[in-house]
PDB file of N, CA and C in Angstrom:
ATOM      1  N   MET A   1    -114.057 -40.307  43.544  1.00  0.00           N
ATOM      2  CA  MET A   1    -113.600 -39.319  42.587  1.00  0.00           C
ATOM      3  C   MET A   1    -112.855 -40.014  41.458  1.00  0.00           C
ATOM      4  N   ALA A   2    -113.203 -39.670  40.228  1.00  0.00           N
ATOM      5  CA  ALA A   2    -112.568 -40.284  39.063  1.00  0.00           C
ATOM      6  C   ALA A   2    -111.135 -39.799  38.911  1.00  0.00           C
ATOM      7  N   ILE A   3    -110.298 -40.660  38.440  1.00  0.00           N
ATOM      8  CA  ILE A   3    -108.912 -40.312  38.150  1.00  0.00           C
ATOM      9  C   ILE A   3    -108.808 -39.652  36.787  1.00  0.00           C
ATOM     10  N   ALA A   4    -109.666 -40.076  35.862  1.00  0.00           N
ATOM     11  CA  ALA A   4    -109.602 -39.574  34.493  1.00  0.00           C
ATOM     12  C   ALA A   4    -110.989 -39.575  33.893  1.00  0.00           C
ATOM     13  N   GLU A   5    -111.122 -39.000  32.712  1.00  0.00           N
ATOM     14  CA  GLU A   5    -112.360 -39.100  31.952  1.00  0.00           C
ATOM     15  C   GLU A   5    -112.023 -39.651  30.576  1.00  0.00           C
ATOM     16  N   LEU A   6    -112.979 -40.341  29.984  1.00  0.00           N
ATOM     17  CA  LEU A   6    -112.768 -40.950  28.689  1.00  0.00           C
ATOM     18  C   LEU A   6    -112.570 -39.880  27.629  1.00  0.00           C
ATOM     19  N   GLY A   7    -111.461 -39.949  26.911  1.00  0.00           N
ATOM     20  CA  GLY A   7    -111.197 -38.993  25.849  1.00  0.00           C
ATOM     21  C   GLY A   7    -111.792 -39.436  24.536  1.00  0.00           C
ATOM     22  N   VAL A   8    -111.410 -40.616  24.081  1.00  0.00           N
ATOM     23  CA  VAL A   8    -111.864 -41.111  22.788  1.00  0.00           C
ATOM     24  C   VAL A   8    -111.651 -42.626  22.745  1.00  0.00           C
ATOM     25  N   VAL A   9    -112.484 -43.322  22.011  1.00  0.00           N
ATOM     26  CA  VAL A   9    -112.279 -44.742  21.723  1.00  0.00           C
ATOM     27  C   VAL A   9    -111.553 -44.810  20.390  1.00  0.00           C
ATOM     28  N   VAL A  10    -110.469 -45.578  20.334  1.00  0.00           N
ATOM     29  CA  VAL A  10    -109.629 -45.672  19.142  1.00  0.00           C
ATOM     30  C   VAL A  10    -109.719 -47.082  18.575  1.00  0.00           C
ATOM     31  N   LEU A  11    -110.015 -47.170  17.281  1.00  0.00           N
ATOM     32  CA  LEU A  11    -110.068 -48.456  16.599  1.00  0.00           C
ATOM     33  C   LEU A  11    -108.858 -48.592  15.686  1.00  0.00           C
ATOM     34  N   ASP A  12    -108.087 -49.658  15.864  1.00  0.00           N
ATOM     35  CA  ASP A  12    -107.019 -49.974  14.918  1.00  0.00           C
ATOM     36  C   ASP A  12    -107.654 -50.496  13.639  1.00  0.00           C
ATOM     37  N   CYS A  13    -107.034 -50.193  12.508  1.00  0.00           N
ATOM     38  CA  CYS A  13    -107.593 -50.625  11.227  1.00  0.00           C
ATOM     39  C   CYS A  13    -106.561 -50.420  10.123  1.00  0.00           C
ATOM     40  N   PRO A  14    -106.785 -51.018   8.954  1.00  0.00           N
ATOM     41  CA  PRO A  14    -105.841 -50.832   7.856  1.00  0.00           C
ATOM     42  C   PRO A  14    -105.982 -49.492   7.145  1.00  0.00           C
ATOM     43  N   ASP A  15    -107.184 -48.883   7.131  1.00  0.00           N
ATOM     44  CA  ASP A  15    -107.421 -47.637   6.403  1.00  0.00           C
ATOM     45  C   ASP A  15    -108.283 -46.708   7.266  1.00  0.00           C
ATOM     46  N   PRO A  16    -107.650 -45.839   8.065  1.00  0.00           N
ATOM     47  CA  PRO A  16    -108.402 -45.001   8.996  1.00  0.00           C
ATOM     48  C   PRO A  16    -109.470 -44.124   8.335  1.00  0.00           C
ATOM     49  N   ARG A  17    -109.170 -43.532   7.195  1.00  0.00           N
ATOM     50  CA  ARG A  17    -110.140 -42.639   6.546  1.00  0.00           C
ATOM     51  C   ARG A  17    -111.364 -43.422   6.080  1.00  0.00           C
ATOM     52  N   ALA A  18    -111.154 -44.591   5.510  1.00  0.00           N
ATOM     53  CA  ALA A  18    -112.271 -45.400   5.024  1.00  0.00           C
ATOM     54  C   ALA A  18    -113.160 -45.860   6.178  1.00  0.00           C
ATOM     55  N   LEU A  19    -112.546 -46.305   7.271  1.00  0.00           N
ATOM     56  CA  LEU A  19    -113.360 -46.788   8.393  1.00  0.00           C
ATOM     57  C   LEU A  19    -114.077 -45.625   9.081  1.00  0.00           C
ATOM     58  N   ALA A  20    -113.433 -44.462   9.176  1.00  0.00           N
ATOM     59  CA  ALA A  20    -114.105 -43.277   9.721  1.00  0.00           C
ATOM     60  C   ALA A  20    -115.299 -42.911   8.837  1.00  0.00           C
ATOM     61  N   GLY A  21    -115.146 -43.041   7.525  1.00  0.00           N
ATOM     62  CA  GLY A  21    -116.249 -42.766   6.609  1.00  0.00           C
ATOM     63  C   GLY A  21    -117.414 -43.717   6.808  1.00  0.00           C
ATOM     64  N   PHE A  22    -117.113 -44.996   7.054  1.00  0.00           N
ATOM     65  CA  PHE A  22    -118.166 -45.969   7.335  1.00  0.00           C
ATOM     66  C   PHE A  22    -118.962 -45.538   8.568  1.00  0.00           C
ATOM     67  N   TYR A  23    -118.253 -45.246   9.675  1.00  0.00           N
ATOM     68  CA  TYR A  23    -118.945 -44.868  10.905  1.00  0.00           C
ATOM     69  C   TYR A  23    -119.619 -43.509  10.788  1.00  0.00           C
ATOM     70  N   ALA A  24    -119.099 -42.598   9.966  1.00  0.00           N
ATOM     71  CA  ALA A  24    -119.798 -41.335   9.719  1.00  0.00           C
ATOM     72  C   ALA A  24    -121.131 -41.606   9.032  1.00  0.00           C
ATOM     73  N   GLY A  25    -121.165 -42.596   8.134  1.00  0.00           N
ATOM     74  CA  GLY A  25    -122.411 -42.982   7.490  1.00  0.00           C
ATOM     75  C   GLY A  25    -123.406 -43.576   8.470  1.00  0.00           C
ATOM     76  N   VAL A  26    -122.912 -44.257   9.493  1.00  0.00           N
ATOM     77  CA  VAL A  26    -123.778 -44.883  10.493  1.00  0.00           C
ATOM     78  C   VAL A  26    -124.213 -43.876  11.560  1.00  0.00           C
ATOM     79  N   LEU A  27    -123.269 -43.085  12.071  1.00  0.00           N
ATOM     80  CA  LEU A  27    -123.521 -42.224  13.228  1.00  0.00           C
ATOM     81  C   LEU A  27    -123.695 -40.748  12.894  1.00  0.00           C
ATOM     82  N   GLY A  28    -123.356 -40.346  11.674  1.00  0.00           N
ATOM     83  CA  GLY A  28    -123.314 -38.923  11.343  1.00  0.00           C
ATOM     84  C   GLY A  28    -122.004 -38.334  11.825  1.00  0.00           C
ATOM     85  N   GLY A  29    -121.861 -37.042  11.667  1.00  0.00           N
ATOM     86  CA  GLY A  29    -120.662 -36.383  12.155  1.00  0.00           C
ATOM     87  C   GLY A  29    -119.699 -36.025  11.044  1.00  0.00           C
ATOM     88  N   SER A  30    -118.545 -35.535  11.450  1.00  0.00           N
ATOM     89  CA  SER A  30    -117.542 -35.092  10.482  1.00  0.00           C
ATOM     90  C   SER A  30    -116.236 -35.839  10.680  1.00  0.00           C
ATOM     91  N   VAL A  31    -115.623 -36.197   9.559  1.00  0.00           N
ATOM     92  CA  VAL A  31    -114.345 -36.899   9.555  1.00  0.00           C
ATOM     93  C   VAL A  31    -113.243 -35.853   9.449  1.00  0.00           C
ATOM     94  N   GLU A  32    -112.277 -35.941  10.364  1.00  0.00           N
ATOM     95  CA  GLU A  32    -111.190 -34.977  10.400  1.00  0.00           C
ATOM     96  C   GLU A  32    -109.852 -35.700  10.450  1.00  0.00           C
ATOM     97  N   GLY A  33    -108.898 -35.226   9.658  1.00  0.00           N
ATOM     98  CA  GLY A  33    -107.551 -35.775   9.684  1.00  0.00           C
ATOM     99  C   GLY A  33    -107.254 -36.621   8.476  1.00  0.00           C
ATOM    100  N   GLU A  34    -106.000 -36.923   8.329  1.00  0.00           N
ATOM    101  CA  GLU A  34    -105.481 -37.724   7.207  1.00  0.00           C
ATOM    102  C   GLU A  34    -104.411 -38.661   7.739  1.00  0.00           C
ATOM    103  N   GLY A  35    -104.013 -39.596   6.923  1.00  0.00           N
ATOM    104  CA  GLY A  35    -102.877 -40.438   7.263  1.00  0.00           C
ATOM    105  C   GLY A  35    -103.186 -41.497   8.291  1.00  0.00           C
ATOM    106  N   ASP A  36    -102.289 -41.609   9.273  1.00  0.00           N
ATOM    107  CA  ASP A  36    -102.355 -42.693  10.244  1.00  0.00           C
ATOM    108  C   ASP A  36    -103.359 -42.487  11.372  1.00  0.00           C
ATOM    109  N   TRP A  37    -103.956 -41.289  11.477  1.00  0.00           N
ATOM    110  CA  TRP A  37    -104.904 -41.008  12.558  1.00  0.00           C
ATOM    111  C   TRP A  37    -106.026 -40.138  12.007  1.00  0.00           C
ATOM    112  N   VAL A  38    -107.262 -40.599  12.168  1.00  0.00           N
ATOM    113  CA  VAL A  38    -108.426 -39.853  11.698  1.00  0.00           C
ATOM    114  C   VAL A  38    -109.464 -39.863  12.819  1.00  0.00           C
ATOM    115  N   ASP A  39    -110.110 -38.710  13.028  1.00  0.00           N
ATOM    116  CA  ASP A  39    -111.145 -38.580  14.055  1.00  0.00           C
ATOM    117  C   ASP A  39    -112.518 -38.475  13.409  1.00  0.00           C
ATOM    118  N   LEU A  40    -113.506 -39.027  14.088  1.00  0.00           N
ATOM    119  CA  LEU A  40    -114.910 -38.823  13.722  1.00  0.00           C
ATOM    120  C   LEU A  40    -115.559 -38.081  14.877  1.00  0.00           C
ATOM    121  N   ARG A  41    -115.960 -36.859  14.629  1.00  0.00           N
ATOM    122  CA  ARG A  41    -116.656 -36.042  15.629  1.00  0.00           C
ATOM    123  C   ARG A  41    -118.153 -36.255  15.411  1.00  0.00           C
ATOM    124  N   THR A  42    -118.799 -36.920  16.363  1.00  0.00           N
ATOM    125  CA  THR A  42    -120.222 -37.203  16.215  1.00  0.00           C
ATOM    126  C   THR A  42    -121.046 -36.071  16.822  1.00  0.00           C
ATOM    127  N   PRO A  43    -122.227 -35.811  16.271  1.00  0.00           N
ATOM    128  CA  PRO A  43    -123.047 -34.708  16.774  1.00  0.00           C
ATOM    129  C   PRO A  43    -123.565 -34.993  18.185  1.00  0.00           C
ATOM    130  N   GLY A  44    -123.146 -34.171  19.126  1.00  0.00           N
ATOM    131  CA  GLY A  44    -123.641 -34.278  20.485  1.00  0.00           C
ATOM    132  C   GLY A  44    -123.211 -35.516  21.233  1.00  0.00           C
ATOM    133  N   GLY A  45    -122.238 -36.242  20.734  1.00  0.00           N
ATOM    134  CA  GLY A  45    -121.816 -37.472  21.389  1.00  0.00           C
ATOM    135  C   GLY A  45    -120.310 -37.601  21.426  1.00  0.00           C
ATOM    136  N   PRO A  46    -119.854 -38.763  21.846  1.00  0.00           N
ATOM    137  CA  PRO A  46    -118.409 -38.982  21.927  1.00  0.00           C
ATOM    138  C   PRO A  46    -117.791 -39.105  20.530  1.00  0.00           C
ATOM    139  N   SER A  47    -116.503 -38.847  20.473  1.00  0.00           N
ATOM    140  CA  SER A  47    -115.767 -39.021  19.225  1.00  0.00           C
ATOM    141  C   SER A  47    -115.208 -40.436  19.147  1.00  0.00           C
ATOM    142  N   LEU A  48    -114.971 -40.870  17.934  1.00  0.00           N
ATOM    143  CA  LEU A  48    -114.228 -42.101  17.680  1.00  0.00           C
ATOM    144  C   LEU A  48    -112.974 -41.716  16.919  1.00  0.00           C
ATOM    145  N   ALA A  49    -111.895 -42.451  17.148  1.00  0.00           N
ATOM    146  CA  ALA A  49    -110.663 -42.224  16.399  1.00  0.00           C
ATOM    147  C   ALA A  49    -110.264 -43.528  15.724  1.00  0.00           C
ATOM    148  N   PHE A  50    -109.554 -43.408  14.619  1.00  0.00           N
ATOM    149  CA  PHE A  50    -109.148 -44.558  13.818  1.00  0.00           C
ATOM    150  C   PHE A  50    -107.659 -44.439  13.551  1.00  0.00           C
ATOM    151  N   GLN A  51    -106.933 -45.487  13.896  1.00  0.00           N
ATOM    152  CA  GLN A  51    -105.485 -45.473  13.826  1.00  0.00           C
ATOM    153  C   GLN A  51    -104.995 -46.564  12.887  1.00  0.00           C
ATOM    154  N   ALA A  52    -104.086 -46.203  11.988  1.00  0.00           N
ATOM    155  CA  ALA A  52    -103.517 -47.198  11.069  1.00  0.00           C
ATOM    156  C   ALA A  52    -102.711 -48.214  11.860  1.00  0.00           C
ATOM    157  N   ALA A  53    -102.933 -49.476  11.544  1.00  0.00           N
ATOM    158  CA  ALA A  53    -102.230 -50.563  12.214  1.00  0.00           C
ATOM    159  C   ALA A  53    -101.676 -51.506  11.152  1.00  0.00           C
ATOM    160  N   PRO A  54    -100.402 -51.353  10.804  1.00  0.00           N
ATOM    161  CA  PRO A  54     -99.810 -52.274   9.826  1.00  0.00           C
ATOM    162  C   PRO A  54     -99.941 -53.715  10.321  1.00  0.00           C
ATOM    163  N   GLY A  55    -100.318 -54.599   9.441  1.00  0.00           N
ATOM    164  CA  GLY A  55    -100.494 -55.999   9.813  1.00  0.00           C
ATOM    165  C   GLY A  55    -101.761 -56.255  10.605  1.00  0.00           C
ATOM    166  N   PHE A  56    -102.724 -55.347  10.536  1.00  0.00           N
ATOM    167  CA  PHE A  56    -103.976 -55.497  11.272  1.00  0.00           C
ATOM    168  C   PHE A  56    -104.639 -56.832  10.958  1.00  0.00           C
ATOM    169  N   VAL A  57    -105.086 -57.518  11.998  1.00  0.00           N
ATOM    170  CA  VAL A  57    -105.849 -58.757  11.872  1.00  0.00           C
ATOM    171  C   VAL A  57    -107.183 -58.526  12.575  1.00  0.00           C
ATOM    172  N   PRO A  58    -108.309 -58.637  11.852  1.00  0.00           N
ATOM    173  CA  PRO A  58    -109.597 -58.369  12.494  1.00  0.00           C
ATOM    174  C   PRO A  58    -109.909 -59.379  13.589  1.00  0.00           C
ATOM    175  N   PRO A  59    -110.693 -58.966  14.580  1.00  0.00           N
ATOM    176  CA  PRO A  59    -111.113 -59.894  15.624  1.00  0.00           C
ATOM    177  C   PRO A  59    -111.952 -61.022  15.026  1.00  0.00           C
ATOM    178  N   LYS A  60    -111.996 -62.140  15.721  1.00  0.00           N
ATOM    179  CA  LYS A  60    -112.841 -63.259  15.298  1.00  0.00           C
ATOM    180  C   LYS A  60    -114.104 -63.244  16.150  1.00  0.00           C
ATOM    181  N   TRP A  61    -115.235 -63.455  15.489  1.00  0.00           N
ATOM    182  CA  TRP A  61    -116.500 -63.499  16.224  1.00  0.00           C
ATOM    183  C   TRP A  61    -117.429 -64.482  15.566  1.00  0.00           C
ATOM    184  N   PRO A  62    -118.086 -65.318  16.285  1.00  0.00           N
ATOM    185  CA  PRO A  62    -117.739 -65.705  17.653  1.00  0.00           C
ATOM    186  C   PRO A  62    -116.592 -66.697  17.618  1.00  0.00           C
ATOM    187  N   ALA A  63    -115.754 -66.651  18.579  1.00  0.00           N
ATOM    188  CA  ALA A  63    -114.622 -67.577  18.657  1.00  0.00           C
ATOM    189  C   ALA A  63    -114.287 -67.786  20.130  1.00  0.00           C
ATOM    190  N   PRO A  64    -114.648 -68.936  20.675  1.00  0.00           N
ATOM    191  CA  PRO A  64    -114.393 -69.173  22.094  1.00  0.00           C
ATOM    192  C   PRO A  64    -112.906 -69.138  22.441  1.00  0.00           C
ATOM    193  N   ASP A  65    -112.046 -69.364  21.456  1.00  0.00           N
ATOM    194  CA  ASP A  65    -110.606 -69.378  21.721  1.00  0.00           C
ATOM    195  C   ASP A  65    -109.928 -68.045  21.388  1.00  0.00           C
ATOM    196  N   ALA A  66    -110.688 -67.040  20.970  1.00  0.00           N
ATOM    197  CA  ALA A  66    -110.108 -65.741  20.620  1.00  0.00           C
ATOM    198  C   ALA A  66    -111.030 -64.622  21.103  1.00  0.00           C
ATOM    199  N   SER A  67    -110.454 -63.587  21.619  1.00  0.00           N
ATOM    200  CA  SER A  67    -111.227 -62.454  22.124  1.00  0.00           C
ATOM    201  C   SER A  67    -111.703 -61.573  20.979  1.00  0.00           C
ATOM    202  N   GLN A  68    -112.914 -61.023  21.101  1.00  0.00           N
ATOM    203  CA  GLN A  68    -113.373 -60.056  20.108  1.00  0.00           C
ATOM    204  C   GLN A  68    -112.784 -58.685  20.397  1.00  0.00           C
ATOM    205  N   GLN A  69    -112.044 -58.519  21.487  1.00  0.00           N
ATOM    206  CA  GLN A  69    -111.330 -57.311  21.877  1.00  0.00           C
ATOM    207  C   GLN A  69    -112.266 -56.239  22.408  1.00  0.00           C
ATOM    208  N   PHE A  70    -113.262 -55.843  21.691  1.00  0.00           N
ATOM    209  CA  PHE A  70    -114.257 -54.879  22.132  1.00  0.00           C
ATOM    210  C   PHE A  70    -115.340 -54.852  21.068  1.00  0.00           C
ATOM    211  N   HIS A  71    -116.471 -54.226  21.367  1.00  0.00           N
ATOM    212  CA  HIS A  71    -117.466 -53.975  20.335  1.00  0.00           C
ATOM    213  C   HIS A  71    -118.285 -52.748  20.717  1.00  0.00           C
ATOM    214  N   LEU A  72    -118.931 -52.168  19.734  1.00  0.00           N
ATOM    215  CA  LEU A  72    -119.789 -51.010  19.953  1.00  0.00           C
ATOM    216  C   LEU A  72    -121.241 -51.457  19.932  1.00  0.00           C
ATOM    217  N   ASP A  73    -122.040 -50.960  20.869  1.00  0.00           N
ATOM    218  CA  ASP A  73    -123.494 -51.133  20.838  1.00  0.00           C
ATOM    219  C   ASP A  73    -124.082 -49.825  20.339  1.00  0.00           C
ATOM    220  N   LEU A  74    -124.762 -49.872  19.210  1.00  0.00           N
ATOM    221  CA  LEU A  74    -125.348 -48.687  18.593  1.00  0.00           C
ATOM    222  C   LEU A  74    -126.863 -48.790  18.685  1.00  0.00           C
ATOM    223  N   THR A  75    -127.489 -47.864  19.394  1.00  0.00           N
ATOM    224  CA  THR A  75    -128.928 -47.885  19.623  1.00  0.00           C
ATOM    225  C   THR A  75    -129.663 -47.315  18.417  1.00  0.00           C
ATOM    226  N   VAL A  76    -130.678 -48.049  17.956  1.00  0.00           N
ATOM    227  CA  VAL A  76    -131.476 -47.634  16.799  1.00  0.00           C
ATOM    228  C   VAL A  76    -132.958 -47.783  17.136  1.00  0.00           C
ATOM    229  N   GLU A  77    -133.798 -47.084  16.387  1.00  0.00           N
ATOM    230  CA  GLU A  77    -135.242 -47.194  16.601  1.00  0.00           C
ATOM    231  C   GLU A  77    -135.837 -48.352  15.806  1.00  0.00           C
ATOM    232  N   ASP A  78    -135.320 -48.609  14.619  1.00  0.00           N
ATOM    233  CA  ASP A  78    -135.871 -49.634  13.730  1.00  0.00           C
ATOM    234  C   ASP A  78    -134.731 -50.531  13.249  1.00  0.00           C
ATOM    235  N   LEU A  79    -134.677 -51.748  13.784  1.00  0.00           N
ATOM    236  CA  LEU A  79    -133.593 -52.671  13.434  1.00  0.00           C
ATOM    237  C   LEU A  79    -133.548 -52.977  11.941  1.00  0.00           C
ATOM    238  N   ASP A  80    -134.695 -53.222  11.326  1.00  0.00           N
ATOM    239  CA  ASP A  80    -134.710 -53.576   9.904  1.00  0.00           C
ATOM    240  C   ASP A  80    -134.188 -52.438   9.033  1.00  0.00           C
ATOM    241  N   ALA A  81    -134.626 -51.222   9.317  1.00  0.00           N
ATOM    242  CA  ALA A  81    -134.177 -50.068   8.535  1.00  0.00           C
ATOM    243  C   ALA A  81    -132.690 -49.814   8.754  1.00  0.00           C
ATOM    244  N   ALA A  82    -132.237 -49.894  10.009  1.00  0.00           N
ATOM    245  CA  ALA A  82    -130.817 -49.669  10.309  1.00  0.00           C
ATOM    246  C   ALA A  82    -129.953 -50.752   9.671  1.00  0.00           C
ATOM    247  N   GLU A  83    -130.420 -51.995   9.706  1.00  0.00           N
ATOM    248  CA  GLU A  83    -129.666 -53.080   9.084  1.00  0.00           C
ATOM    249  C   GLU A  83    -129.470 -52.811   7.594  1.00  0.00           C
ATOM    250  N   LYS A  84    -130.516 -52.425   6.919  1.00  0.00           N
ATOM    251  CA  LYS A  84    -130.426 -52.144   5.483  1.00  0.00           C
ATOM    252  C   LYS A  84    -129.359 -51.085   5.202  1.00  0.00           C
ATOM    253  N   GLU A  85    -129.337 -50.052   6.029  1.00  0.00           N
ATOM    254  CA  GLU A  85    -128.386 -48.958   5.812  1.00  0.00           C
ATOM    255  C   GLU A  85    -126.947 -49.362   6.109  1.00  0.00           C
ATOM    256  N   VAL A  86    -126.702 -50.096   7.223  1.00  0.00           N
ATOM    257  CA  VAL A  86    -125.310 -50.470   7.522  1.00  0.00           C
ATOM    258  C   VAL A  86    -124.785 -51.477   6.499  1.00  0.00           C
ATOM    259  N   LEU A  87    -125.647 -52.357   6.002  1.00  0.00           N
ATOM    260  CA  LEU A  87    -125.211 -53.288   4.960  1.00  0.00           C
ATOM    261  C   LEU A  87    -124.847 -52.531   3.681  1.00  0.00           C
ATOM    262  N   ALA A  88    -125.619 -51.504   3.338  1.00  0.00           N
ATOM    263  CA  ALA A  88    -125.315 -50.691   2.159  1.00  0.00           C
ATOM    264  C   ALA A  88    -123.992 -49.948   2.316  1.00  0.00           C
ATOM    265  N   LEU A  89    -123.618 -49.636   3.558  1.00  0.00           N
ATOM    266  CA  LEU A  89    -122.353 -48.949   3.822  1.00  0.00           C
ATOM    267  C   LEU A  89    -121.156 -49.900   3.840  1.00  0.00           C
ATOM    268  N   GLY A  90    -121.416 -51.202   3.839  1.00  0.00           N
ATOM    269  CA  GLY A  90    -120.316 -52.166   3.803  1.00  0.00           C
ATOM    270  C   GLY A  90    -120.196 -53.082   4.999  1.00  0.00           C
ATOM    271  N   ALA A  91    -121.141 -53.033   5.940  1.00  0.00           N
ATOM    272  CA  ALA A  91    -121.119 -53.953   7.079  1.00  0.00           C
ATOM    273  C   ALA A  91    -121.437 -55.370   6.596  1.00  0.00           C
ATOM    274  N   LYS A  92    -120.989 -56.342   7.381  1.00  0.00           N
ATOM    275  CA  LYS A  92    -121.282 -57.744   7.091  1.00  0.00           C
ATOM    276  C   LYS A  92    -121.988 -58.352   8.311  1.00  0.00           C
ATOM    277  N   PRO A  93    -123.077 -59.106   8.095  1.00  0.00           N
ATOM    278  CA  PRO A  93    -123.772 -59.717   9.230  1.00  0.00           C
ATOM    279  C   PRO A  93    -122.933 -60.820   9.859  1.00  0.00           C
ATOM    280  N   LEU A  94    -122.891 -60.831  11.196  1.00  0.00           N
ATOM    281  CA  LEU A  94    -122.231 -61.904  11.936  1.00  0.00           C
ATOM    282  C   LEU A  94    -123.256 -62.787  12.638  1.00  0.00           C
ATOM    283  N   ASP A  95    -124.280 -62.152  13.208  1.00  0.00           N
ATOM    284  CA  ASP A  95    -125.323 -62.890  13.921  1.00  0.00           C
ATOM    285  C   ASP A  95    -126.593 -62.043  13.875  1.00  0.00           C
ATOM    286  N   ALA A  96    -127.290 -62.113  12.753  1.00  0.00           N
ATOM    287  CA  ALA A  96    -128.458 -61.250  12.552  1.00  0.00           C
ATOM    288  C   ALA A  96    -129.693 -62.024  12.115  1.00  0.00           C
ATOM    289  N   GLU A  97    -129.639 -63.345  12.214  1.00  0.00           N
ATOM    290  CA  GLU A  97    -130.746 -64.156  11.724  1.00  0.00           C
ATOM    291  C   GLU A  97    -131.956 -64.164  12.658  1.00  0.00           C
ATOM    292  N   ASP A  98    -131.720 -64.119  13.969  1.00  0.00           N
ATOM    293  CA  ASP A  98    -132.814 -64.205  14.942  1.00  0.00           C
ATOM    294  C   ASP A  98    -133.532 -62.868  15.038  1.00  0.00           C
ATOM    295  N   ARG A  99    -134.650 -62.741  14.354  1.00  0.00           N
ATOM    296  CA  ARG A  99    -135.393 -61.483  14.296  1.00  0.00           C
ATOM    297  C   ARG A  99    -136.226 -61.234  15.549  1.00  0.00           C
ATOM    298  N   SER A 100    -136.271 -62.170  16.494  1.00  0.00           N
ATOM    299  CA  SER A 100    -137.038 -61.963  17.722  1.00  0.00           C
ATOM    300  C   SER A 100    -136.220 -61.234  18.792  1.00  0.00           C
ATOM    301  N   ARG A 101    -134.901 -61.163  18.626  1.00  0.00           N
ATOM    302  CA  ARG A 101    -134.044 -60.484  19.603  1.00  0.00           C
ATOM    303  C   ARG A 101    -134.077 -58.972  19.408  1.00  0.00           C
ATOM    304  N   THR A 102    -133.623 -58.262  20.408  1.00  0.00           N
ATOM    305  CA  THR A 102    -133.563 -56.802  20.338  1.00  0.00           C
ATOM    306  C   THR A 102    -132.205 -56.302  19.858  1.00  0.00           C
ATOM    307  N   PHE A 103    -131.350 -57.185  19.374  1.00  0.00           N
ATOM    308  CA  PHE A 103    -130.049 -56.779  18.855  1.00  0.00           C
ATOM    309  C   PHE A 103    -129.632 -57.702  17.716  1.00  0.00           C
ATOM    310  N   ARG A 104    -128.737 -57.189  16.869  1.00  0.00           N
ATOM    311  CA  ARG A 104    -128.131 -57.961  15.781  1.00  0.00           C
ATOM    312  C   ARG A 104    -126.658 -57.578  15.713  1.00  0.00           C
ATOM    313  N   VAL A 105    -125.825 -58.540  15.345  1.00  0.00           N
ATOM    314  CA  VAL A 105    -124.373 -58.334  15.350  1.00  0.00           C
ATOM    315  C   VAL A 105    -123.842 -58.293  13.920  1.00  0.00           C
ATOM    316  N   TYR A 106    -122.975 -57.309  13.662  1.00  0.00           N
ATOM    317  CA  TYR A 106    -122.372 -57.090  12.342  1.00  0.00           C
ATOM    318  C   TYR A 106    -120.878 -56.866  12.512  1.00  0.00           C
ATOM    319  N   ALA A 107    -120.167 -56.880  11.406  1.00  0.00           N
ATOM    320  CA  ALA A 107    -118.761 -56.473  11.386  1.00  0.00           C
ATOM    321  C   ALA A 107    -118.651 -55.237  10.505  1.00  0.00           C
ATOM    322  N   ASP A 108    -117.849 -54.273  10.943  1.00  0.00           N
ATOM    323  CA  ASP A 108    -117.581 -53.114  10.095  1.00  0.00           C
ATOM    324  C   ASP A 108    -116.633 -53.538   8.968  1.00  0.00           C
ATOM    325  N   PRO A 109    -116.330 -52.679   8.021  1.00  0.00           N
ATOM    326  CA  PRO A 109    -115.478 -53.091   6.890  1.00  0.00           C
ATOM    327  C   PRO A 109    -114.084 -53.569   7.293  1.00  0.00           C
ATOM    328  N   ALA A 110    -113.599 -53.201   8.479  1.00  0.00           N
ATOM    329  CA  ALA A 110    -112.291 -53.678   8.939  1.00  0.00           C
ATOM    330  C   ALA A 110    -112.421 -54.946   9.778  1.00  0.00           C
ATOM    331  N   GLY A 111    -113.661 -55.394  10.053  1.00  0.00           N
ATOM    332  CA  GLY A 111    -113.871 -56.627  10.784  1.00  0.00           C
ATOM    333  C   GLY A 111    -114.215 -56.478  12.259  1.00  0.00           C
ATOM    334  N   HIS A 112    -114.294 -55.240  12.792  1.00  0.00           N
ATOM    335  CA  HIS A 112    -114.663 -55.051  14.189  1.00  0.00           C
ATOM    336  C   HIS A 112    -116.149 -55.351  14.373  1.00  0.00           C
ATOM    337  N   PRO A 113    -116.511 -56.153  15.376  1.00  0.00           N
ATOM    338  CA  PRO A 113    -117.920 -56.408  15.607  1.00  0.00           C
ATOM    339  C   PRO A 113    -118.622 -55.190  16.211  1.00  0.00           C
ATOM    340  N   PHE A 114    -119.886 -54.997  15.826  1.00  0.00           N
ATOM    341  CA  PHE A 114    -120.730 -53.998  16.472  1.00  0.00           C
ATOM    342  C   PHE A 114    -122.161 -54.516  16.446  1.00  0.00           C
ATOM    343  N   CYS A 115    -122.958 -54.023  17.396  1.00  0.00           N
ATOM    344  CA  CYS A 115    -124.352 -54.438  17.503  1.00  0.00           C
ATOM    345  C   CYS A 115    -125.273 -53.265  17.203  1.00  0.00           C
ATOM    346  N   LEU A 116    -126.319 -53.546  16.470  1.00  0.00           N
ATOM    347  CA  LEU A 116    -127.438 -52.629  16.384  1.00  0.00           C
ATOM    348  C   LEU A 116    -128.431 -53.098  17.438  1.00  0.00           C
ATOM    349  N   CYS A 117    -128.830 -52.190  18.316  1.00  0.00           N
ATOM    350  CA  CYS A 117    -129.692 -52.550  19.442  1.00  0.00           C
ATOM    351  C   CYS A 117    -130.954 -51.693  19.453  1.00  0.00           C
ATOM    352  N   ALA A 118    -132.097 -52.335  19.538  1.00  0.00           N
ATOM    353  CA  ALA A 118    -133.365 -51.637  19.753  1.00  0.00           C
ATOM    354  C   ALA A 118    -133.753 -51.899  21.198  1.00  0.00           C
ATOM    355  N   CYS A 119    -132.940 -51.394  22.094  1.00  0.00           N
ATOM    356  CA  CYS A 119    -133.086 -51.702  23.526  1.00  0.00           C
ATOM    357  C   CYS A 119    -133.653 -50.524  24.292  1.00  0.00           C
TER     358      CYS A 119
END
């Protein structure tokens, strides 16, 4: 028997509204809230929350001496089309050169790593 259920995944960042807007562009949904806490309600899926973190330092990837802290795996049907769209929204490629793999790694505008996966 579970003790709890997952409520929301929260990402620390310098600008919660901007990062919620980025993920709304990727996942769809509605951005709710202002200030230090903003929610993204995704259609038919889990919510993401974004919390202001003064002095935020983005994770390093890849860095054997530093943890990436966490990352999101986002399932897509067409890697090339999805890549074009996330780059237009402000993502930066971290490990996307190998076109034979079923995943590619990017950083969101605040520096959090995420993968586009055709898995």
